[in-house]
Amino acid sequence: MKEIEYKFLINQLPKQIFDEKTQKIEIKQYYFQKNEIIFYLKKLNLSNEQIEKFESVRIRVENYKNRNKYILNAKSAGGMVRDEYEIIISKTQYENFLKKTIIGEIYKTRYKIKHKSFVFEFDEYKGKLKGLLTCEIEVKNTEKYYFDIIRALNEHFKLKTKDITNNQKYKNINLGKEIIYENN
């Protein structure tokens, strides 16, 4: 499946995160060497050629309303448009993954806010990335929505932004490996 996503640095979290409609999700992401978990990737019914293109393989734990969801995710290299595959896994499978070599990790709180036809995902990073604030927005078309998103971020959410969609140092796998970001 194709993922088309914009990513922005933001100067602060919007006041809308306090609205009752906002989903607040605590996220832990662990990144792995794909050769250590190739068996699990084959469960996604992918070819060796597809698996070879993956840049990142991660396990994500999402805690929403005190319930955990465990997700195995693999993404290809790229900027705005990438191949992405994921499946829900069990807590036992998740615990087995944690016995593998972890090459990076991220902790963040995600605030999902619907505005017009978009879902804005505001991320507040924790731990070694504390202070980093980003916003991700998935779209269906690579060009069509850009100015609507910028307008919403600036006018509706009242934020200053910097587009980091194609900046590799802001990919979560790279952020998880080391601290390479700049405050907005």
Protein backbone atom coordinates (compact mmCIF):
# COMPACT_ATOMS: atom_id res chain seq x y z
CA MET A 1 0.00 0.00 0.00
CA LYS A 2 1.22 3.52 -0.76
CA GLU A 3 1.56 6.05 2.04
CA ILE A 4 1.48 9.71 0.99
CA GLU A 5 2.31 11.94 3.91
CA TYR A 6 3.41 15.48 4.66
CA LYS A 7 5.46 16.19 7.78
CA PHE A 8 6.06 19.58 9.41
CA LEU A 9 8.05 20.94 12.32
CA ILE A 10 5.73 23.03 14.47
CA ASN A 11 6.54 25.70 17.04
CA GLN A 12 3.98 24.56 19.64
CA LEU A 13 1.07 22.20 20.11
CA PRO A 14 -2.25 23.69 19.05
CA LYS A 15 -4.81 24.59 21.71
CA GLN A 16 -7.23 22.15 20.04
CA ILE A 17 -5.41 19.21 21.69
CA PHE A 18 -7.58 19.90 24.75
CA ASP A 19 -10.86 19.42 22.87
CA GLU A 20 -12.82 16.36 23.95
CA LYS A 21 -12.90 15.06 20.35
CA THR A 22 -9.09 14.91 20.18
CA GLN A 23 -7.63 11.40 20.38
CA LYS A 24 -4.59 11.24 22.66
CA ILE A 25 -2.41 8.20 21.98
CA GLU A 26 0.79 7.26 23.78
CA ILE A 27 3.21 5.65 21.32
CA LYS A 28 6.39 3.59 21.67
CA GLN A 29 8.22 2.65 18.47
CA TYR A 30 11.10 0.20 18.29
CA TYR A 31 13.16 -0.16 15.11
CA PHE A 32 14.88 -3.40 14.07
CA GLN A 33 17.29 -4.72 11.48
CA LYS A 34 15.07 -6.27 8.83
CA ASN A 35 17.32 -9.34 8.46
CA GLU A 36 16.57 -10.29 12.09
CA ILE A 37 12.82 -10.38 11.56
CA ILE A 38 12.53 -11.52 7.94
CA PHE A 39 10.31 -14.43 9.05
CA TYR A 40 7.69 -11.98 10.31
CA LEU A 41 7.93 -9.81 7.21
CA LYS A 42 7.10 -12.81 5.05
CA LYS A 43 3.84 -13.09 7.00
CA LEU A 44 2.85 -9.86 5.27
CA ASN A 45 2.78 -11.88 2.01
CA LEU A 46 5.56 -9.81 0.51
CA SER A 47 8.14 -10.90 -2.03
CA ASN A 48 11.87 -10.86 -1.29
CA GLU A 49 12.11 -7.97 -3.77
CA GLN A 50 9.58 -5.94 -1.77
CA ILE A 51 11.28 -6.77 1.53
CA GLU A 52 14.64 -5.67 0.11
CA LYS A 53 13.25 -2.15 -0.49
CA PHE A 54 12.35 -1.58 3.16
CA GLU A 55 14.15 1.26 4.90
CA SER A 56 12.57 0.70 8.29
CA VAL A 57 10.94 -2.10 10.20
CA ARG A 58 9.31 -1.26 13.48
CA ILE A 59 6.99 -2.39 16.18
CA ARG A 60 4.62 0.27 17.42
CA VAL A 61 2.72 0.08 20.68
CA GLU A 62 -0.25 2.43 20.76
CA ASN A 63 -1.93 3.04 24.10
CA TYR A 64 -5.35 4.64 23.71
CA LYS A 65 -7.80 4.73 26.61
CA ASN A 66 -5.60 2.28 28.57
CA ARG A 67 -5.66 -0.36 25.81
CA ASN A 68 -2.55 -1.43 23.94
CA LYS A 69 -2.41 -2.25 20.24
CA TYR A 70 0.77 -3.85 18.82
CA ILE A 71 1.60 -3.20 15.16
CA LEU A 72 4.39 -4.57 12.95
CA ASN A 73 5.16 -1.98 10.27
CA ALA A 74 7.58 -1.87 7.35
CA LYS A 75 8.23 1.14 5.09
CA SER A 76 10.29 1.62 1.96
CA ALA A 77 12.83 4.38 1.58
CA GLY A 78 11.64 7.67 0.17
CA GLY A 79 10.20 11.03 1.06
CA MET A 80 6.58 11.91 0.71
CA VAL A 81 5.46 8.72 -1.06
CA ARG A 82 6.50 5.34 0.31
CA ASP A 83 5.33 1.75 0.36
CA GLU A 84 3.97 0.79 3.76
CA TYR A 85 2.79 -2.54 5.12
CA GLU A 86 1.51 -3.38 8.56
CA ILE A 87 -0.26 -6.02 10.60
CA ILE A 88 -1.57 -6.23 14.15
CA ILE A 89 0.46 -8.64 16.29
CA SER A 90 -0.10 -10.14 19.72
CA LYS A 91 1.48 -9.01 22.97
CA THR A 92 3.50 -12.25 23.01
CA GLN A 93 4.86 -11.57 19.51
CA TYR A 94 5.69 -8.02 20.59
CA GLU A 95 7.59 -9.30 23.63
CA ASN A 96 9.52 -11.72 21.39
CA PHE A 97 10.50 -8.83 19.11
CA LEU A 98 11.98 -6.97 22.06
CA LYS A 99 14.51 -9.81 22.41
CA LYS A 100 15.91 -8.83 18.99
CA THR A 101 18.48 -6.08 18.42
CA ILE A 102 16.77 -2.69 18.69
CA ILE A 103 18.50 -0.09 16.49
CA GLY A 104 16.33 2.84 17.53
CA GLU A 105 13.38 3.83 19.64
CA ILE A 106 10.93 6.70 19.93
CA TYR A 107 8.44 7.70 22.60
CA LYS A 108 5.79 10.27 21.83
CA THR A 109 2.28 11.44 22.51
CA ARG A 110 0.13 11.77 19.41
CA TYR A 111 -2.88 14.06 19.25
CA LYS A 112 -5.20 13.23 16.33
CA ILE A 113 -7.42 16.11 15.31
CA LYS A 114 -9.89 16.06 12.43
CA HIS A 115 -10.25 19.32 10.54
CA LYS A 116 -12.21 19.50 7.31
CA SER A 117 -11.21 16.44 5.26
CA PHE A 118 -7.86 15.89 7.02
CA VAL A 119 -6.64 14.16 10.14
CA PHE A 120 -3.76 16.14 11.64
CA GLU A 121 -1.44 14.03 13.79
CA PHE A 122 0.47 16.27 16.20
CA ASP A 123 3.41 14.47 17.81
CA GLU A 124 5.08 15.54 21.05
CA TYR A 125 8.31 13.58 21.38
CA LYS A 126 9.61 12.44 24.75
CA GLY A 127 12.85 11.17 26.24
CA LYS A 128 15.96 12.06 24.26
CA LEU A 129 13.81 13.89 21.67
CA LYS A 130 11.93 16.01 24.21
CA GLY A 131 11.12 19.40 22.72
CA LEU A 132 10.58 18.13 19.18
CA LEU A 133 7.07 18.81 17.89
CA THR A 134 5.84 17.65 14.48
CA CYS A 135 2.64 17.26 12.54
CA GLU A 136 1.94 14.54 9.98
CA ILE A 137 -0.95 14.50 7.54
CA GLU A 138 -1.72 11.61 5.21
CA VAL A 139 -3.30 12.51 1.87
CA LYS A 140 -4.54 10.69 -1.21
CA ASN A 141 -2.76 12.87 -3.79
CA THR A 142 0.79 14.19 -3.84
CA GLU A 143 0.08 17.77 -4.91
CA LYS A 144 -3.57 18.60 -4.54
CA TYR A 145 -3.85 19.32 -0.80
CA TYR A 146 -0.60 21.05 0.13
CA PHE A 147 -1.86 24.64 0.31
CA ASP A 148 -5.03 23.61 2.17
CA ILE A 149 -2.85 21.92 4.79
CA ILE A 150 -0.54 24.93 5.12
CA ARG A 151 -3.54 27.23 5.47
CA ALA A 152 -5.07 25.01 8.19
CA LEU A 153 -1.81 24.80 10.13
CA ASN A 154 -1.23 28.56 9.97
CA GLU A 155 -4.77 29.93 10.24
CA HIS A 156 -6.88 27.31 12.04
CA PHE A 157 -4.23 25.89 14.39
CA LYS A 158 -2.23 29.18 14.58
CA LEU A 159 1.15 27.47 14.16
CA LYS A 160 4.46 28.39 12.59
CA THR A 161 5.67 25.52 10.44
CA LYS A 162 8.60 24.23 8.47
CA ASP A 163 8.06 21.55 5.83
CA ILE A 164 10.33 18.56 6.59
CA THR A 165 8.52 16.03 4.40
CA ASN A 166 11.58 15.13 2.34
CA ASN A 167 14.23 15.77 4.99
CA GLN A 168 15.73 12.37 5.83
CA LYS A 169 17.05 13.41 9.23
CA TYR A 170 13.44 13.80 10.41
CA LYS A 171 12.36 10.30 9.42
CA ASN A 172 11.37 8.51 12.61
CA ILE A 173 13.93 5.75 12.09
CA ASN A 174 16.69 8.38 12.00
CA LEU A 175 15.26 10.28 14.96
CA GLY A 176 15.14 7.02 16.89
CA LYS A 177 18.82 6.34 16.27
CA GLU A 178 20.16 9.70 17.47
CA ILE A 179 19.22 13.26 18.27
CA ILE A 180 19.32 15.16 14.98
CA TYR A 181 16.66 17.77 14.93
CA GLU A 182 16.35 21.49 15.32
CA ASN A 183 13.80 23.27 17.42
CA ASN A 184 11.45 25.42 15.40
